[in-house]
Amino acid sequence: MLTARRQVPASAAAVWAVLTDLDAWPVWGPTVSRATLDADELAVGARGTVWTPVGVPLPFRITEVVPGRRWSWSVAGVPATTHSVEPINAASPTWGSVVSMAAPLWAPVYLPVLHVALRRIERLASR
């Protein structure tokens, strides 16, 4: 996996809330204009639909969830990104979290998109 990381001045819980809020996906995700989930929460096997900025709907399935830390998905049957957050020790002068997104090795051109998303996540989680 190719990974983009960013240290943010927000708790892991605040970042996780942004990462799992489908209404927030279009705010931080440059390739998402809308998303729906056919379940109450992100859980392994949950399915939904994500719309691209040009209006193309694509089915997705949640493939991994570690509550409060990581979730992964496949989009249109293709393994896609993994979204993660790790807390930084609260006793540290750099308290906050490290948020990361990993893309499959075959998608290196997606890394700039992930960096844009991480900056937007930082703004949302730091409010």
Protein backbone atom coordinates (compact mmCIF):
# COMPACT_ATOMS: atom_id res chain seq x y z
CA MET A 1 0.00 0.00 0.00
CA LEU A 2 1.07 3.58 -0.69
CA THR A 3 0.40 5.73 2.36
CA ALA A 4 -0.16 9.43 2.94
CA ARG A 5 0.05 10.62 6.58
CA ARG A 6 -0.63 13.84 8.44
CA GLN A 7 -0.28 14.82 12.07
CA VAL A 8 -3.34 16.78 13.18
CA PRO A 9 -4.11 18.76 16.35
CA ALA A 10 -7.28 16.78 17.06
CA SER A 11 -8.08 13.71 19.11
CA ALA A 12 -8.31 10.30 17.49
CA ALA A 13 -12.01 10.27 18.42
CA ALA A 14 -12.61 13.55 16.56
CA VAL A 15 -10.77 12.28 13.48
CA TRP A 16 -12.62 8.94 13.61
CA ALA A 17 -15.94 10.79 13.72
CA VAL A 18 -15.01 12.64 10.51
CA LEU A 19 -13.74 9.47 8.79
CA THR A 20 -16.96 7.57 9.50
CA ASP A 21 -19.52 10.33 8.88
CA LEU A 22 -20.87 9.70 5.38
CA ASP A 23 -22.22 13.25 5.22
CA ALA A 24 -18.64 14.50 5.70
CA TRP A 25 -17.15 12.33 2.94
CA PRO A 26 -17.96 14.85 0.18
CA VAL A 27 -16.47 17.64 2.31
CA TRP A 28 -13.07 15.97 2.69
CA GLY A 29 -13.04 13.52 -0.23
CA PRO A 30 -12.18 15.17 -3.56
CA THR A 31 -13.53 12.16 -5.48
CA VAL A 32 -16.82 11.89 -3.55
CA SER A 33 -19.92 14.00 -4.11
CA ARG A 34 -22.33 11.84 -2.08
CA ALA A 35 -22.42 8.55 -0.18
CA THR A 36 -25.09 6.31 1.28
CA LEU A 37 -24.81 3.21 3.44
CA ASP A 38 -27.25 0.31 3.57
CA ALA A 39 -26.56 -0.16 7.31
CA ASP A 40 -26.58 1.90 10.50
CA GLU A 41 -22.80 2.09 10.77
CA LEU A 42 -19.58 1.12 9.05
CA ALA A 43 -19.11 -2.57 9.68
CA VAL A 44 -17.44 -5.37 7.76
CA GLY A 45 -19.75 -6.40 4.94
CA ALA A 46 -21.82 -3.20 4.99
CA ARG A 47 -22.63 -1.99 1.51
CA GLY A 48 -23.46 1.37 0.05
CA THR A 49 -23.13 3.67 -2.91
CA VAL A 50 -20.65 6.46 -3.49
CA TRP A 51 -21.11 9.08 -6.22
CA THR A 52 -18.20 10.61 -8.10
CA PRO A 53 -18.09 14.38 -8.76
CA VAL A 54 -19.43 13.74 -12.28
CA GLY A 55 -22.45 11.89 -10.88
CA VAL A 56 -21.42 8.28 -11.49
CA PRO A 57 -22.76 6.00 -8.71
CA LEU A 58 -20.45 3.18 -7.65
CA PRO A 59 -21.23 0.37 -5.21
CA PHE A 60 -18.91 -0.11 -2.26
CA ARG A 61 -18.40 -2.68 0.47
CA ILE A 62 -16.65 -2.21 3.81
CA THR A 63 -13.90 -4.84 4.00
CA GLU A 64 -12.26 -4.07 7.37
CA VAL A 65 -13.15 -2.15 10.51
CA VAL A 66 -11.10 -1.70 13.66
CA PRO A 67 -13.43 0.59 15.64
CA GLY A 68 -11.91 3.95 16.42
CA ARG A 69 -8.76 3.17 14.40
CA ARG A 70 -9.16 1.90 10.82
CA TRP A 71 -11.58 1.07 8.04
CA SER A 72 -11.08 -0.16 4.48
CA TRP A 73 -13.35 -0.60 1.52
CA SER A 74 -13.64 -1.89 -2.00
CA VAL A 75 -15.32 0.28 -4.62
CA ALA A 76 -16.98 -1.36 -7.62
CA GLY A 77 -15.35 -4.62 -6.48
CA VAL A 78 -11.83 -3.15 -6.53
CA PRO A 79 -9.79 -2.82 -3.30
CA ALA A 80 -9.62 0.88 -2.51
CA THR A 81 -8.31 3.02 0.35
CA THR A 82 -7.67 2.25 3.99
CA HIS A 83 -8.44 5.11 6.40
CA SER A 84 -6.61 5.12 9.76
CA VAL A 85 -6.09 7.25 12.85
CA GLU A 86 -3.65 6.77 15.72
CA PRO A 87 -3.56 8.92 18.85
CA ILE A 88 -0.39 10.70 19.85
CA ASN A 89 0.46 10.48 23.53
CA ALA A 90 -1.50 13.22 25.33
CA ALA A 91 1.55 13.91 27.52
CA SER A 92 3.55 14.81 24.42
CA PRO A 93 3.97 18.47 23.41
CA THR A 94 2.69 17.42 19.98
CA TRP A 95 -0.59 16.01 21.28
CA GLY A 96 -3.07 15.07 18.61
CA SER A 97 -3.39 12.26 16.11
CA VAL A 98 -1.82 10.88 13.00
CA VAL A 99 -4.35 10.29 10.27
CA SER A 100 -3.38 8.23 7.25
CA MET A 101 -4.82 6.87 4.05
CA ALA A 102 -3.36 4.04 2.06
CA ALA A 103 -4.00 3.29 -1.59
CA PRO A 104 -3.19 0.09 -3.47
CA LEU A 105 0.26 -0.11 -5.08
CA TRP A 106 -1.31 0.10 -8.53
CA ALA A 107 -2.76 3.58 -7.74
CA PRO A 108 0.21 5.90 -7.14
CA VAL A 109 -1.52 8.75 -9.01
CA TYR A 110 -4.11 8.78 -6.20
CA LEU A 111 -1.59 9.93 -3.55
CA PRO A 112 -2.07 13.68 -4.24
CA VAL A 113 -5.83 13.19 -3.78
CA LEU A 114 -5.17 11.53 -0.41
CA HIS A 115 -3.00 14.47 0.70
CA VAL A 116 -5.82 16.91 -0.16
CA ALA A 117 -8.26 14.74 1.82
CA LEU A 118 -5.95 14.67 4.84
CA ARG A 119 -5.71 18.48 4.92
CA ARG A 120 -9.51 18.72 4.76
CA ILE A 121 -9.91 16.09 7.50
CA GLU A 122 -7.57 18.11 9.70
CA ARG A 123 -9.76 21.21 9.29
CA LEU A 124 -12.95 19.30 10.05
CA ALA A 125 -11.60 17.38 13.04
CA SER A 126 -9.90 20.42 14.57
CA ARG A 127 -13.10 22.49 14.78
